[in-house]
C-alpha atoms as a PDB file:
ATOM      1  CA  UNK A   1       0.000   0.000   0.000  1.00  0.00           C
ATOM      2  CA  UNK A   2       1.057   3.594  -0.589  1.00  0.00           C
ATOM      3  CA  UNK A   3      -0.520   6.923   0.420  1.00  0.00           C
ATOM      4  CA  UNK A   4      -1.994   8.794  -2.567  1.00  0.00           C
ATOM      5  CA  UNK A   5      -0.900  12.294  -1.494  1.00  0.00           C
ATOM      6  CA  UNK A   6      -0.164  14.532   1.470  1.00  0.00           C
ATOM      7  CA  UNK A   7      -3.389  15.846   2.981  1.00  0.00           C
ATOM      8  CA  UNK A   8      -1.911  18.253   5.515  1.00  0.00           C
ATOM      9  CA  UNK A   9       1.415  19.762   6.474  1.00  0.00           C
ATOM     10  CA  UNK A  10       2.101  21.486   9.788  1.00  0.00           C
ATOM     11  CA  UNK A  11       4.479  24.271  10.716  1.00  0.00           C
ATOM     12  CA  UNK A  12       5.055  25.467  14.261  1.00  0.00           C
ATOM     13  CA  UNK A  13       5.039  29.155  15.115  1.00  0.00           C
ATOM     14  CA  UNK A  14       5.193  31.368  18.178  1.00  0.00           C
ATOM     15  CA  UNK A  15       2.557  33.831  16.934  1.00  0.00           C
ATOM     16  CA  UNK A  16      -0.448  32.410  15.095  1.00  0.00           C
ATOM     17  CA  UNK A  17      -1.801  35.868  14.261  1.00  0.00           C
ATOM     18  CA  UNK A  18       1.450  36.917  12.546  1.00  0.00           C
ATOM     19  CA  UNK A  19       1.553  33.598  10.693  1.00  0.00           C
ATOM     20  CA  UNK A  20      -2.111  33.940   9.657  1.00  0.00           C
ATOM     21  CA  UNK A  21      -1.468  37.436   8.313  1.00  0.00           C
ATOM     22  CA  UNK A  22       1.546  36.157   6.370  1.00  0.00           C
ATOM     23  CA  UNK A  23      -0.031  33.039   4.863  1.00  0.00           C
ATOM     24  CA  UNK A  24      -3.330  34.733   4.017  1.00  0.00           C
ATOM     25  CA  UNK A  25      -2.254  38.346   3.447  1.00  0.00           C
ATOM     26  CA  UNK A  26       1.060  37.799   1.650  1.00  0.00           C
ATOM     27  CA  UNK A  27       0.739  34.311   0.155  1.00  0.00           C
ATOM     28  CA  UNK A  28      -3.008  34.574  -0.459  1.00  0.00           C
ATOM     29  CA  UNK A  29      -3.995  31.249   1.090  1.00  0.00           C
ATOM     30  CA  UNK A  30      -7.593  30.966   2.262  1.00  0.00           C
ATOM     31  CA  UNK A  31      -7.911  30.459   6.026  1.00  0.00           C
ATOM     32  CA  UNK A  32     -10.593  27.793   6.449  1.00  0.00           C
ATOM     33  CA  UNK A  33     -10.411  27.386  10.234  1.00  0.00           C
ATOM     34  CA  UNK A  34      -8.978  29.342  13.118  1.00  0.00           C
ATOM     35  CA  UNK A  35      -8.687  28.048  16.679  1.00  0.00           C
ATOM     36  CA  UNK A  36      -7.823  31.257  18.535  1.00  0.00           C
ATOM     37  CA  UNK A  37      -4.125  31.650  19.183  1.00  0.00           C
ATOM     38  CA  UNK A  38      -3.532  27.898  18.960  1.00  0.00           C
ATOM     39  CA  UNK A  39      -3.805  27.219  15.227  1.00  0.00           C
ATOM     40  CA  UNK A  40      -4.868  28.346  11.776  1.00  0.00           C
ATOM     41  CA  UNK A  41      -5.677  26.132   8.786  1.00  0.00           C
ATOM     42  CA  UNK A  42      -5.174  27.198   5.146  1.00  0.00           C
ATOM     43  CA  UNK A  43      -6.299  25.440   1.991  1.00  0.00           C
ATOM     44  CA  UNK A  44      -3.586  25.057  -0.638  1.00  0.00           C
ATOM     45  CA  UNK A  45      -4.514  23.115  -3.747  1.00  0.00           C
ATOM     46  CA  UNK A  46      -5.736  19.686  -2.662  1.00  0.00           C
ATOM     47  CA  UNK A  47      -4.114  19.947   0.774  1.00  0.00           C
ATOM     48  CA  UNK A  48      -4.088  21.977   3.953  1.00  0.00           C
ATOM     49  CA  UNK A  49      -1.278  23.909   5.612  1.00  0.00           C
ATOM     50  CA  UNK A  50      -1.675  24.161   9.393  1.00  0.00           C
ATOM     51  CA  UNK A  51       0.240  26.552  11.623  1.00  0.00           C
ATOM     52  CA  UNK A  52       0.283  25.567  15.289  1.00  0.00           C
ATOM     53  CA  UNK A  53       1.511  27.540  18.269  1.00  0.00           C
ATOM     54  CA  UNK A  54       3.642  24.792  19.815  1.00  0.00           C
ATOM     55  CA  UNK A  55       3.459  26.320  23.316  1.00  0.00           C
ATOM     56  CA  UNK A  56      -0.365  26.383  23.188  1.00  0.00           C
ATOM     57  CA  UNK A  57      -0.344  22.727  22.076  1.00  0.00           C
ATOM     58  CA  UNK A  58       1.645  21.844  25.210  1.00  0.00           C
ATOM     59  CA  UNK A  59      -1.003  23.557  27.370  1.00  0.00           C
ATOM     60  CA  UNK A  60      -3.925  21.644  25.862  1.00  0.00           C
ATOM     61  CA  UNK A  61      -6.115  20.241  28.651  1.00  0.00           C
ATOM     62  CA  UNK A  62      -6.630  16.492  29.008  1.00  0.00           C
ATOM     63  CA  UNK A  63      -9.939  15.197  27.700  1.00  0.00           C
ATOM     64  CA  UNK A  64      -9.937  17.278  24.510  1.00  0.00           C
ATOM     65  CA  UNK A  65      -9.612  15.914  21.000  1.00  0.00           C
ATOM     66  CA  UNK A  66      -7.807  12.554  20.798  1.00  0.00           C
ATOM     67  CA  UNK A  67      -4.882  13.995  18.805  1.00  0.00           C
ATOM     68  CA  UNK A  68      -1.445  12.731  19.832  1.00  0.00           C
ATOM     69  CA  UNK A  69       0.957  15.388  21.107  1.00  0.00           C
ATOM     70  CA  UNK A  70       3.257  16.759  18.433  1.00  0.00           C
ATOM     71  CA  UNK A  71       5.458  19.746  17.777  1.00  0.00           C
ATOM     72  CA  UNK A  72       8.947  20.730  16.785  1.00  0.00           C
ATOM     73  CA  UNK A  73      11.731  22.983  17.939  1.00  0.00           C
ATOM     74  CA  UNK A  74      13.455  25.266  15.473  1.00  0.00           C
ATOM     75  CA  UNK A  75      12.498  26.254  11.943  1.00  0.00           C
ATOM     76  CA  UNK A  76      10.544  23.890   9.715  1.00  0.00           C
ATOM     77  CA  UNK A  77      10.242  23.910   5.945  1.00  0.00           C
ATOM     78  CA  UNK A  78       7.460  23.936   3.383  1.00  0.00           C
ATOM     79  CA  UNK A  79       7.778  24.103  -0.401  1.00  0.00           C
ATOM     80  CA  UNK A  80       5.015  25.318  -2.698  1.00  0.00           C
ATOM     81  CA  UNK A  81       4.766  24.160  -6.318  1.00  0.00           C
ATOM     82  CA  UNK A  82       5.213  26.908  -8.928  1.00  0.00           C
ATOM     83  CA  UNK A  83       6.334  27.367 -12.527  1.00  0.00           C
ATOM     84  CA  UNK A  84       9.478  29.369 -13.300  1.00  0.00           C
ATOM     85  CA  UNK A  85       7.341  32.331 -14.417  1.00  0.00           C
ATOM     86  CA  UNK A  86       5.257  32.102 -11.241  1.00  0.00           C
ATOM     87  CA  UNK A  87       8.432  32.046  -9.143  1.00  0.00           C
ATOM     88  CA  UNK A  88       9.590  35.280 -10.813  1.00  0.00           C
ATOM     89  CA  UNK A  89       6.206  36.849 -10.053  1.00  0.00           C
ATOM     90  CA  UNK A  90       6.338  35.593  -6.443  1.00  0.00           C
ATOM     91  CA  UNK A  91       9.808  37.095  -6.018  1.00  0.00           C
ATOM     92  CA  UNK A  92       8.527  40.504  -7.093  1.00  0.00           C
ATOM     93  CA  UNK A  93       5.410  40.142  -4.914  1.00  0.00           C
ATOM     94  CA  UNK A  94       7.440  39.141  -1.841  1.00  0.00           C
ATOM     95  CA  UNK A  95       9.908  41.996  -2.309  1.00  0.00           C
ATOM     96  CA  UNK A  96       6.989  44.461  -2.542  1.00  0.00           C
ATOM     97  CA  UNK A  97       5.841  43.123   0.840  1.00  0.00           C
ATOM     98  CA  UNK A  98       9.307  43.597   2.351  1.00  0.00           C
ATOM     99  CA  UNK A  99      10.037  39.866   2.510  1.00  0.00           C
ATOM    100  CA  UNK A 100      13.766  39.193   2.126  1.00  0.00           C
ATOM    101  CA  UNK A 101      14.752  36.546  -0.411  1.00  0.00           C
ATOM    102  CA  UNK A 102      17.137  34.183   1.350  1.00  0.00           C
ATOM    103  CA  UNK A 103      18.271  32.156  -1.642  1.00  0.00           C
ATOM    104  CA  UNK A 104      17.425  31.586  -5.292  1.00  0.00           C
ATOM    105  CA  UNK A 105      19.082  29.073  -7.580  1.00  0.00           C
ATOM    106  CA  UNK A 106      18.778  26.349 -10.187  1.00  0.00           C
ATOM    107  CA  UNK A 107      19.144  22.717  -9.140  1.00  0.00           C
ATOM    108  CA  UNK A 108      21.107  20.155 -11.215  1.00  0.00           C
ATOM    109  CA  UNK A 109      17.701  18.866 -12.418  1.00  0.00           C
ATOM    110  CA  UNK A 110      17.099  22.298 -13.984  1.00  0.00           C
ATOM    111  CA  UNK A 111      14.400  23.184 -11.441  1.00  0.00           C
ATOM    112  CA  UNK A 112      14.377  26.707 -10.046  1.00  0.00           C
ATOM    113  CA  UNK A 113      13.874  27.443  -6.318  1.00  0.00           C
ATOM    114  CA  UNK A 114      13.223  30.584  -4.302  1.00  0.00           C
ATOM    115  CA  UNK A 115      13.619  30.596  -0.491  1.00  0.00           C
ATOM    116  CA  UNK A 116      12.439  33.065   2.156  1.00  0.00           C
ATOM    117  CA  UNK A 117      11.250  32.973   5.787  1.00  0.00           C
ATOM    118  CA  UNK A 118       7.839  33.295   7.392  1.00  0.00           C
ATOM    119  CA  UNK A 119       7.456  35.483  10.528  1.00  0.00           C
ATOM    120  CA  UNK A 120       8.333  32.506  12.790  1.00  0.00           C
ATOM    121  CA  UNK A 121      11.565  31.785  10.882  1.00  0.00           C
ATOM    122  CA  UNK A 122      10.284  28.731   9.006  1.00  0.00           C
ATOM    123  CA  UNK A 123      11.925  28.176   5.635  1.00  0.00           C
ATOM    124  CA  UNK A 124       9.430  28.683   2.796  1.00  0.00           C
ATOM    125  CA  UNK A 125      10.240  27.717  -0.772  1.00  0.00           C
ATOM    126  CA  UNK A 126       8.670  27.987  -4.200  1.00  0.00           C
ATOM    127  CA  UNK A 127      10.057  25.395  -6.619  1.00  0.00           C
ATOM    128  CA  UNK A 128       9.324  23.887  -9.991  1.00  0.00           C
ATOM    129  CA  UNK A 129       7.876  20.342  -9.793  1.00  0.00           C
ATOM    130  CA  UNK A 130      10.724  18.987 -11.902  1.00  0.00           C
ATOM    131  CA  UNK A 131      12.839  19.361  -8.756  1.00  0.00           C
ATOM    132  CA  UNK A 132      11.419  15.921  -7.891  1.00  0.00           C
ATOM    133  CA  UNK A 133      10.818  14.811 -11.489  1.00  0.00           C
ATOM    134  CA  UNK A 134       7.096  15.578 -11.088  1.00  0.00           C
ATOM    135  CA  UNK A 135       4.833  17.087 -13.710  1.00  0.00           C
END
């Protein structure tokens, strides 16, 4: 057996409001659920990006939802699929919003990547699907 695709990806932040403003206001993702200062959920294509405040997750009272404890220390990473032309447009858009471009380069596969940080310091990337030999 093999999973068909990734349904959700989680990043951990210290300020859900700042993350929500970034992912909805700058990246244009639709926020489909907000749980106060604990989490925000954004639809992206056929999947969902979740940002969790890891400290709020630790404070969750017993008897709530039967979700196993999880979290991470330090910056995480997420990569969004984009064409080369879209990456160029994203670069311009990010710069207009004062977002510093951390790195931009071409991989040996010929795929182009653009890296920057979200407000929590997570590494965010736009890359062409051919990075992983995907269409």
